[in-house]
Amino acid sequence: MDRRKMGSVTQGMGAGKSMRYLLSLLFFLLFVPPLLAQDSYHDFERGLQLSSEQRMKMEEIKGKYMNEWQSSRREIIQKKLELQELNRNSSQNLEKIEKLHNEIMGIKMTREDIYTQYRGDVSRVLNNEQKEKYNNFCNSERRRMMRPPGIRGHGR
């Protein structure tokens, strides 16, 4: 927001109120889009108009992959923390750093394989119209997630 505009928004507020306003605005900008995004897949799934049999199969597929997906995510986080620690004294830990980096890349590749298998399983449950919608949604979400953080935004 432009400073001149911000001045008009906060004009007449005391310093404390102005700061609270800015902190509230920052909070909403940081936390509301991810909260809304959590519901986007569920909203999208409702839009597919799945039959009860399709819905059951989709739940089975999610269950099949979810534990493995979350486990690999936790493993990546743990290894990144280890890597961060080693980077504090990187000159003495070059081999360990390289090894951890390669392990992280391997886990990420495994996650990609899991994701590809998941999408394939889901596609086999859907009819052609639903598949097209599903693929478009997945591709647009993937592009959105690949954007640099400053460019991301809900619904873009």
N, C-alpha and C. Protein backbone atom coordinates (compact mmCIF):
# COMPACT_ATOMS: atom_id res chain seq x y z
N MET A 1 0.85 -1.18 0.00
CA MET A 1 0.00 0.00 0.00
C MET A 1 0.89 1.24 0.00
N ASP A 2 0.51 2.23 -0.76
CA ASP A 2 1.24 3.48 -0.88
C ASP A 2 1.22 4.22 0.47
N ARG A 3 2.34 4.86 0.82
CA ARG A 3 2.42 5.55 2.11
C ARG A 3 1.37 6.65 2.24
N ARG A 4 1.11 7.36 1.13
CA ARG A 4 0.10 8.42 1.19
C ARG A 4 -1.26 7.83 1.53
N LYS A 5 -1.58 6.68 0.90
CA LYS A 5 -2.86 6.03 1.19
C LYS A 5 -2.89 5.51 2.62
N MET A 6 -1.77 4.92 3.06
CA MET A 6 -1.69 4.39 4.43
C MET A 6 -1.89 5.52 5.42
N GLY A 7 -1.34 6.67 5.10
CA GLY A 7 -1.51 7.82 5.99
C GLY A 7 -2.98 8.19 6.12
N SER A 8 -3.71 8.12 5.01
CA SER A 8 -5.12 8.47 5.08
C SER A 8 -5.93 7.41 5.81
N VAL A 9 -5.50 6.15 5.73
CA VAL A 9 -6.20 5.08 6.43
C VAL A 9 -5.98 5.19 7.92
N THR A 10 -4.74 5.49 8.32
CA THR A 10 -4.41 5.52 9.74
C THR A 10 -4.46 6.93 10.32
N GLN A 11 -4.79 7.91 9.50
CA GLN A 11 -4.83 9.30 9.97
C GLN A 11 -5.86 9.44 11.09
N GLY A 12 -5.50 10.11 12.10
CA GLY A 12 -6.40 10.32 13.22
C GLY A 12 -6.28 9.23 14.27
N MET A 13 -5.54 8.18 13.99
CA MET A 13 -5.31 7.12 14.97
C MET A 13 -4.08 7.47 15.77
N GLY A 14 -4.05 7.09 17.00
CA GLY A 14 -2.84 7.26 17.79
C GLY A 14 -1.79 6.27 17.31
N ALA A 15 -0.57 6.43 17.80
CA ALA A 15 0.52 5.54 17.38
C ALA A 15 0.20 4.09 17.73
N GLY A 16 -0.37 3.84 18.90
CA GLY A 16 -0.71 2.48 19.32
C GLY A 16 -1.78 1.86 18.44
N LYS A 17 -2.83 2.64 18.14
CA LYS A 17 -3.90 2.14 17.29
C LYS A 17 -3.38 1.89 15.88
N SER A 18 -2.56 2.79 15.41
CA SER A 18 -1.99 2.65 14.08
C SER A 18 -1.16 1.37 13.98
N MET A 19 -0.35 1.11 15.01
CA MET A 19 0.48 -0.09 15.02
C MET A 19 -0.39 -1.34 15.08
N ARG A 20 -1.45 -1.32 15.89
CA ARG A 20 -2.36 -2.47 15.97
C ARG A 20 -3.03 -2.71 14.63
N TYR A 21 -3.41 -1.63 13.96
CA TYR A 21 -4.03 -1.74 12.64
C TYR A 21 -3.06 -2.41 11.66
N LEU A 22 -1.82 -1.96 11.66
CA LEU A 22 -0.82 -2.52 10.75
C LEU A 22 -0.54 -3.98 11.07
N LEU A 23 -0.44 -4.31 12.36
CA LEU A 23 -0.21 -5.70 12.75
C LEU A 23 -1.39 -6.59 12.37
N SER A 24 -2.60 -6.08 12.55
CA SER A 24 -3.79 -6.84 12.15
C SER A 24 -3.81 -7.09 10.65
N LEU A 25 -3.49 -6.04 9.90
CA LEU A 25 -3.44 -6.16 8.45
C LEU A 25 -2.39 -7.19 8.03
N LEU A 26 -1.23 -7.13 8.65
CA LEU A 26 -0.16 -8.08 8.36
C LEU A 26 -0.60 -9.51 8.69
N PHE A 27 -1.25 -9.68 9.83
CA PHE A 27 -1.75 -11.00 10.22
C PHE A 27 -2.69 -11.56 9.16
N PHE A 28 -3.65 -10.75 8.73
CA PHE A 28 -4.61 -11.23 7.73
C PHE A 28 -3.94 -11.55 6.40
N LEU A 29 -2.99 -10.73 6.00
CA LEU A 29 -2.30 -10.98 4.74
C LEU A 29 -1.48 -12.27 4.79
N LEU A 30 -0.91 -12.58 5.95
CA LEU A 30 -0.07 -13.77 6.07
C LEU A 30 -0.86 -15.05 6.29
N PHE A 31 -1.93 -15.00 7.09
CA PHE A 31 -2.57 -16.23 7.52
C PHE A 31 -3.89 -16.56 6.85
N VAL A 32 -4.61 -15.59 6.36
CA VAL A 32 -5.91 -15.89 5.77
C VAL A 32 -5.79 -16.65 4.44
N PRO A 33 -4.91 -16.26 3.49
CA PRO A 33 -4.84 -17.03 2.24
C PRO A 33 -4.54 -18.51 2.44
N PRO A 34 -3.57 -18.91 3.31
CA PRO A 34 -3.37 -20.35 3.50
C PRO A 34 -4.59 -21.05 4.10
N LEU A 35 -5.30 -20.37 4.99
CA LEU A 35 -6.49 -20.98 5.57
C LEU A 35 -7.55 -21.19 4.50
N LEU A 36 -7.69 -20.22 3.60
CA LEU A 36 -8.65 -20.36 2.52
C LEU A 36 -8.22 -21.45 1.55
N ALA A 37 -6.92 -21.56 1.30
CA ALA A 37 -6.41 -22.56 0.37
C ALA A 37 -6.66 -23.98 0.88
N GLN A 38 -6.72 -24.17 2.20
CA GLN A 38 -6.97 -25.50 2.74
C GLN A 38 -8.32 -26.02 2.27
N ASP A 39 -9.27 -25.13 2.11
CA ASP A 39 -10.60 -25.53 1.68
C ASP A 39 -10.73 -25.62 0.17
N SER A 40 -9.77 -25.07 -0.59
CA SER A 40 -9.92 -25.01 -2.03
C SER A 40 -10.04 -26.40 -2.66
N TYR A 41 -9.27 -27.37 -2.18
CA TYR A 41 -9.36 -28.72 -2.76
C TYR A 41 -10.70 -29.35 -2.43
N HIS A 42 -11.17 -29.17 -1.20
CA HIS A 42 -12.47 -29.74 -0.83
C HIS A 42 -13.59 -29.10 -1.65
N ASP A 43 -13.50 -27.78 -1.85
CA ASP A 43 -14.50 -27.10 -2.68
C ASP A 43 -14.43 -27.62 -4.11
N PHE A 44 -13.20 -27.78 -4.61
CA PHE A 44 -13.01 -28.29 -5.96
C PHE A 44 -13.59 -29.70 -6.09
N GLU A 45 -13.30 -30.53 -5.10
CA GLU A 45 -13.78 -31.91 -5.12
C GLU A 45 -15.31 -31.96 -5.16
N ARG A 46 -15.96 -31.07 -4.41
CA ARG A 46 -17.43 -31.00 -4.45
C ARG A 46 -17.90 -30.63 -5.85
N GLY A 47 -17.14 -29.75 -6.52
CA GLY A 47 -17.50 -29.33 -7.87
C GLY A 47 -17.39 -30.44 -8.90
N LEU A 48 -16.64 -31.48 -8.59
CA LEU A 48 -16.53 -32.62 -9.52
C LEU A 48 -17.80 -33.46 -9.56
N GLN A 49 -18.65 -33.28 -8.56
CA GLN A 49 -19.90 -34.03 -8.45
C GLN A 49 -19.64 -35.54 -8.51
N LEU A 50 -18.84 -36.00 -7.57
CA LEU A 50 -18.48 -37.42 -7.51
C LEU A 50 -19.67 -38.24 -7.04
N SER A 51 -19.78 -39.44 -7.57
CA SER A 51 -20.80 -40.37 -7.07
C SER A 51 -20.32 -40.87 -5.71
N SER A 52 -21.20 -41.52 -4.97
CA SER A 52 -20.78 -42.02 -3.65
C SER A 52 -19.69 -43.08 -3.80
N GLU A 53 -19.77 -43.89 -4.85
CA GLU A 53 -18.73 -44.90 -5.09
C GLU A 53 -17.39 -44.23 -5.40
N GLN A 54 -17.41 -43.18 -6.23
CA GLN A 54 -16.18 -42.45 -6.55
C GLN A 54 -15.61 -41.80 -5.29
N ARG A 55 -16.49 -41.22 -4.48
CA ARG A 55 -16.05 -40.56 -3.25
C ARG A 55 -15.35 -41.56 -2.32
N MET A 56 -15.92 -42.75 -2.20
CA MET A 56 -15.31 -43.80 -1.37
C MET A 56 -13.93 -44.19 -1.90
N LYS A 57 -13.84 -44.37 -3.21
CA LYS A 57 -12.56 -44.75 -3.81
C LYS A 57 -11.53 -43.64 -3.63
N MET A 58 -11.96 -42.39 -3.75
CA MET A 58 -11.04 -41.26 -3.56
C MET A 58 -10.50 -41.24 -2.13
N GLU A 59 -11.36 -41.50 -1.16
CA GLU A 59 -10.92 -41.54 0.24
C GLU A 59 -9.91 -42.66 0.46
N GLU A 60 -10.16 -43.80 -0.15
CA GLU A 60 -9.21 -44.92 -0.03
C GLU A 60 -7.85 -44.54 -0.62
N ILE A 61 -7.89 -43.89 -1.77
CA ILE A 61 -6.64 -43.48 -2.43
C ILE A 61 -5.89 -42.47 -1.57
N LYS A 62 -6.60 -41.50 -1.03
CA LYS A 62 -5.94 -40.51 -0.15
C LYS A 62 -5.28 -41.20 1.04
N GLY A 63 -6.02 -42.11 1.66
CA GLY A 63 -5.48 -42.84 2.81
C GLY A 63 -4.24 -43.64 2.45
N LYS A 64 -4.26 -44.22 1.27
CA LYS A 64 -3.14 -45.04 0.81
C LYS A 64 -1.85 -44.22 0.72
N TYR A 65 -1.95 -42.98 0.27
CA TYR A 65 -0.75 -42.18 0.02
C TYR A 65 -0.42 -41.17 1.12
N MET A 66 -1.41 -40.78 1.92
CA MET A 66 -1.23 -39.68 2.87
C MET A 66 -0.13 -39.94 3.89
N ASN A 67 -0.10 -41.11 4.49
CA ASN A 67 0.92 -41.40 5.51
C ASN A 67 2.32 -41.31 4.93
N GLU A 68 2.51 -41.90 3.76
CA GLU A 68 3.82 -41.87 3.13
C GLU A 68 4.22 -40.43 2.77
N TRP A 69 3.26 -39.66 2.28
CA TRP A 69 3.51 -38.27 1.90
C TRP A 69 3.92 -37.45 3.12
N GLN A 70 3.17 -37.58 4.21
CA GLN A 70 3.46 -36.82 5.42
C GLN A 70 4.78 -37.26 6.05
N SER A 71 5.05 -38.55 6.02
CA SER A 71 6.30 -39.06 6.57
C SER A 71 7.50 -38.50 5.81
N SER A 72 7.41 -38.46 4.49
CA SER A 72 8.52 -37.92 3.69
C SER A 72 8.66 -36.42 3.93
N ARG A 73 7.56 -35.74 4.16
CA ARG A 73 7.62 -34.30 4.46
C ARG A 73 8.36 -34.05 5.77
N ARG A 74 8.02 -34.84 6.79
CA ARG A 74 8.71 -34.71 8.08
C ARG A 74 10.20 -35.02 7.95
N GLU A 75 10.52 -36.02 7.14
CA GLU A 75 11.91 -36.39 6.94
C GLU A 75 12.69 -35.26 6.27
N ILE A 76 12.08 -34.61 5.30
CA ILE A 76 12.73 -33.48 4.63
C ILE A 76 12.97 -32.35 5.63
N ILE A 77 11.98 -32.05 6.44
CA ILE A 77 12.12 -30.98 7.44
C ILE A 77 13.26 -31.30 8.39
N GLN A 78 13.32 -32.54 8.87
CA GLN A 78 14.38 -32.94 9.79
C GLN A 78 15.75 -32.79 9.13
N LYS A 79 15.87 -33.23 7.90
CA LYS A 79 17.16 -33.15 7.21
C LYS A 79 17.55 -31.71 6.91
N LYS A 80 16.58 -30.87 6.63
CA LYS A 80 16.87 -29.45 6.40
C LYS A 80 17.37 -28.78 7.68
N LEU A 81 16.82 -29.18 8.81
CA LEU A 81 17.30 -28.65 10.08
C LEU A 81 18.73 -29.10 10.35
N GLU A 82 19.01 -30.37 10.06
CA GLU A 82 20.38 -30.87 10.21
C GLU A 82 21.33 -30.10 9.29
N LEU A 83 20.88 -29.87 8.07
CA LEU A 83 21.68 -29.14 7.09
C LEU A 83 21.96 -27.72 7.56
N GLN A 84 20.95 -27.10 8.13
CA GLN A 84 21.11 -25.75 8.67
C GLN A 84 22.18 -25.72 9.76
N GLU A 85 22.15 -26.72 10.62
CA GLU A 85 23.14 -26.82 11.69
C GLU A 85 24.55 -27.01 11.12
N LEU A 86 24.68 -27.88 10.14
CA LEU A 86 25.99 -28.13 9.53
C LEU A 86 26.53 -26.90 8.79
N ASN A 87 25.63 -26.11 8.23
CA ASN A 87 26.05 -24.92 7.47
C ASN A 87 26.67 -23.85 8.36
N ARG A 88 26.46 -23.94 9.65
CA ARG A 88 27.07 -22.97 10.56
C ARG A 88 28.58 -23.08 10.56
N ASN A 89 29.08 -24.26 10.29
CA ASN A 89 30.52 -24.49 10.20
C ASN A 89 30.78 -25.28 8.92
N SER A 90 30.39 -24.69 7.80
CA SER A 90 30.36 -25.41 6.53
C SER A 90 31.72 -25.90 6.06
N SER A 91 32.79 -25.18 6.37
CA SER A 91 34.10 -25.59 5.86
C SER A 91 34.53 -26.95 6.42
N GLN A 92 34.09 -27.28 7.61
CA GLN A 92 34.47 -28.56 8.23
C GLN A 92 33.48 -29.68 7.90
N ASN A 93 32.36 -29.34 7.32
CA ASN A 93 31.30 -30.33 7.12
C ASN A 93 30.89 -30.50 5.66
N LEU A 94 31.76 -30.19 4.72
CA LEU A 94 31.37 -30.21 3.31
C LEU A 94 30.83 -31.57 2.86
N GLU A 95 31.47 -32.64 3.26
CA GLU A 95 31.01 -33.97 2.84
C GLU A 95 29.63 -34.29 3.42
N LYS A 96 29.45 -33.98 4.70
CA LYS A 96 28.16 -34.23 5.35
C LYS A 96 27.06 -33.38 4.71
N ILE A 97 27.41 -32.13 4.40
CA ILE A 97 26.44 -31.22 3.77
C ILE A 97 26.02 -31.77 2.42
N GLU A 98 26.98 -32.19 1.63
CA GLU A 98 26.67 -32.74 0.31
C GLU A 98 25.81 -34.00 0.43
N LYS A 99 26.16 -34.86 1.38
CA LYS A 99 25.40 -36.09 1.59
C LYS A 99 23.95 -35.78 1.97
N LEU A 100 23.76 -34.85 2.92
CA LEU A 100 22.41 -34.47 3.34
C LEU A 100 21.63 -33.85 2.18
N HIS A 101 22.29 -33.00 1.43
CA HIS A 101 21.64 -32.36 0.28
C HIS A 101 21.16 -33.43 -0.71
N ASN A 102 22.00 -34.41 -0.98
CA ASN A 102 21.62 -35.50 -1.89
C ASN A 102 20.46 -36.32 -1.32
N GLU A 103 20.46 -36.54 -0.01
CA GLU A 103 19.36 -37.28 0.62
C GLU A 103 18.05 -36.51 0.47
N ILE A 104 18.11 -35.20 0.68
CA ILE A 104 16.92 -34.37 0.54
C ILE A 104 16.40 -34.43 -0.89
N MET A 105 17.30 -34.33 -1.85
CA MET A 105 16.89 -34.40 -3.26
C MET A 105 16.26 -35.77 -3.57
N GLY A 106 16.82 -36.83 -3.01
CA GLY A 106 16.26 -38.17 -3.20
C GLY A 106 14.85 -38.29 -2.64
N ILE A 107 14.64 -37.72 -1.46
CA ILE A 107 13.31 -37.74 -0.84
C ILE A 107 12.33 -36.94 -1.69
N LYS A 108 12.78 -35.80 -2.20
CA LYS A 108 11.90 -34.99 -3.05
C LYS A 108 11.51 -35.74 -4.32
N MET A 109 12.46 -36.48 -4.89
CA MET A 109 12.15 -37.29 -6.08
C MET A 109 11.15 -38.39 -5.74
N THR A 110 11.31 -38.99 -4.57
CA THR A 110 10.36 -40.01 -4.12
C THR A 110 8.98 -39.41 -3.96
N ARG A 111 8.92 -38.20 -3.41
CA ARG A 111 7.63 -37.50 -3.25
C ARG A 111 6.98 -37.25 -4.60
N GLU A 112 7.78 -36.89 -5.59
CA GLU A 112 7.25 -36.68 -6.94
C GLU A 112 6.66 -37.98 -7.48
N ASP A 113 7.36 -39.09 -7.24
CA ASP A 113 6.85 -40.39 -7.69
C ASP A 113 5.53 -40.72 -6.99
N ILE A 114 5.46 -40.46 -5.69
CA ILE A 114 4.23 -40.71 -4.93
C ILE A 114 3.09 -39.87 -5.51
N TYR A 115 3.39 -38.61 -5.78
CA TYR A 115 2.38 -37.69 -6.32
C TYR A 115 1.88 -38.19 -7.68
N THR A 116 2.81 -38.63 -8.53
CA THR A 116 2.44 -39.14 -9.85
C THR A 116 1.56 -40.38 -9.73
N GLN A 117 1.91 -41.28 -8.83
CA GLN A 117 1.10 -42.48 -8.60
C GLN A 117 -0.29 -42.10 -8.08
N TYR A 118 -0.32 -41.15 -7.16
CA TYR A 118 -1.59 -40.69 -6.59
C TYR A 118 -2.49 -40.14 -7.69
N ARG A 119 -1.93 -39.25 -8.52
CA ARG A 119 -2.73 -38.66 -9.60
C ARG A 119 -3.22 -39.73 -10.57
N GLY A 120 -2.39 -40.71 -10.86
CA GLY A 120 -2.80 -41.79 -11.75
C GLY A 120 -3.96 -42.59 -11.16
N ASP A 121 -3.86 -42.91 -9.88
CA ASP A 121 -4.93 -43.65 -9.21
C ASP A 121 -6.23 -42.85 -9.20
N VAL A 122 -6.12 -41.56 -8.91
CA VAL A 122 -7.32 -40.70 -8.89
C VAL A 122 -7.93 -40.63 -10.29
N SER A 123 -7.10 -40.46 -11.30
CA SER A 123 -7.60 -40.35 -12.67
C SER A 123 -8.38 -41.59 -13.10
N ARG A 124 -7.99 -42.76 -12.61
CA ARG A 124 -8.69 -43.99 -12.98
C ARG A 124 -10.10 -44.06 -12.37
N VAL A 125 -10.35 -43.26 -11.36
CA VAL A 125 -11.66 -43.25 -10.70
C VAL A 125 -12.62 -42.29 -11.42
N LEU A 126 -12.09 -41.29 -12.11
CA LEU A 126 -12.89 -40.22 -12.69
C LEU A 126 -13.31 -40.52 -14.13
N ASN A 127 -14.45 -39.91 -14.53
CA ASN A 127 -14.83 -39.98 -15.94
C ASN A 127 -14.04 -38.91 -16.71
N ASN A 128 -14.18 -38.87 -18.02
CA ASN A 128 -13.36 -37.97 -18.84
C ASN A 128 -13.53 -36.49 -18.48
N GLU A 129 -14.76 -36.06 -18.25
CA GLU A 129 -15.02 -34.66 -17.90
C GLU A 129 -14.38 -34.33 -16.54
N GLN A 130 -14.54 -35.22 -15.58
CA GLN A 130 -13.95 -35.01 -14.26
C GLN A 130 -12.42 -35.02 -14.33
N LYS A 131 -11.86 -35.91 -15.16
CA LYS A 131 -10.40 -35.96 -15.33
C LYS A 131 -9.86 -34.64 -15.84
N GLU A 132 -10.55 -34.08 -16.82
CA GLU A 132 -10.10 -32.81 -17.40
C GLU A 132 -10.10 -31.71 -16.33
N LYS A 133 -11.18 -31.63 -15.56
CA LYS A 133 -11.25 -30.64 -14.48
C LYS A 133 -10.17 -30.89 -13.43
N TYR A 134 -9.98 -32.16 -13.08
CA TYR A 134 -8.98 -32.53 -12.08
C TYR A 134 -7.58 -32.16 -12.54
N ASN A 135 -7.25 -32.51 -13.78
CA ASN A 135 -5.92 -32.20 -14.31
C ASN A 135 -5.69 -30.70 -14.39
N ASN A 136 -6.70 -29.95 -14.82
CA ASN A 136 -6.57 -28.48 -14.87
C ASN A 136 -6.34 -27.91 -13.48
N PHE A 137 -7.09 -28.40 -12.50
CA PHE A 137 -6.94 -27.92 -11.13
C PHE A 137 -5.54 -28.23 -10.60
N CYS A 138 -5.10 -29.47 -10.77
CA CYS A 138 -3.77 -29.88 -10.27
C CYS A 138 -2.66 -29.07 -10.92
N ASN A 139 -2.76 -28.88 -12.23
CA ASN A 139 -1.73 -28.12 -12.94
C ASN A 139 -1.71 -26.66 -12.50
N SER A 140 -2.88 -26.06 -12.31
CA SER A 140 -2.90 -24.65 -11.88
C SER A 140 -2.40 -24.51 -10.45
N GLU A 141 -2.74 -25.46 -9.57
CA GLU A 141 -2.24 -25.42 -8.19
C GLU A 141 -0.73 -25.59 -8.16
N ARG A 142 -0.24 -26.46 -9.00
CA ARG A 142 1.20 -26.71 -9.05
C ARG A 142 1.95 -25.46 -9.53
N ARG A 143 1.41 -24.81 -10.56
CA ARG A 143 2.02 -23.56 -11.05
C ARG A 143 1.99 -22.50 -9.96
N ARG A 144 0.87 -22.42 -9.25
CA ARG A 144 0.74 -21.42 -8.18
C ARG A 144 1.77 -21.68 -7.10
N MET A 145 1.99 -22.94 -6.74
CA MET A 145 2.95 -23.27 -5.69
C MET A 145 4.40 -23.07 -6.13
N MET A 146 4.64 -23.08 -7.43
CA MET A 146 6.00 -22.93 -7.93
C MET A 146 6.42 -21.46 -8.00
N ARG A 147 5.45 -20.56 -7.91
CA ARG A 147 5.78 -19.14 -7.98
C ARG A 147 6.60 -18.72 -6.77
N PRO A 148 7.45 -17.71 -6.98
CA PRO A 148 8.19 -17.16 -5.82
C PRO A 148 7.20 -16.64 -4.78
N PRO A 149 7.55 -16.70 -3.49
CA PRO A 149 6.63 -16.33 -2.41
C PRO A 149 5.99 -14.95 -2.56
N GLY A 150 6.70 -13.98 -3.08
CA GLY A 150 6.14 -12.63 -3.20
C GLY A 150 5.03 -12.53 -4.21
N ILE A 151 4.94 -13.51 -5.11
CA ILE A 151 3.96 -13.45 -6.18
C ILE A 151 2.72 -14.26 -5.85
N ARG A 152 2.83 -15.17 -4.89
CA ARG A 152 1.70 -16.03 -4.53
C ARG A 152 0.56 -15.21 -3.98
N GLY A 153 -0.61 -15.75 -4.14
CA GLY A 153 -1.79 -15.13 -3.55
C GLY A 153 -2.97 -16.05 -3.76
N HIS A 154 -3.96 -15.94 -2.91
CA HIS A 154 -5.12 -16.81 -3.01
C HIS A 154 -5.90 -16.47 -4.27
N GLY A 155 -6.25 -17.48 -5.04
CA GLY A 155 -7.07 -17.28 -6.21
C GLY A 155 -6.33 -16.76 -7.42
N ARG A 156 -5.02 -16.79 -7.39
CA ARG A 156 -4.26 -16.30 -8.56
C ARG A 156 -3.56 -17.45 -9.23
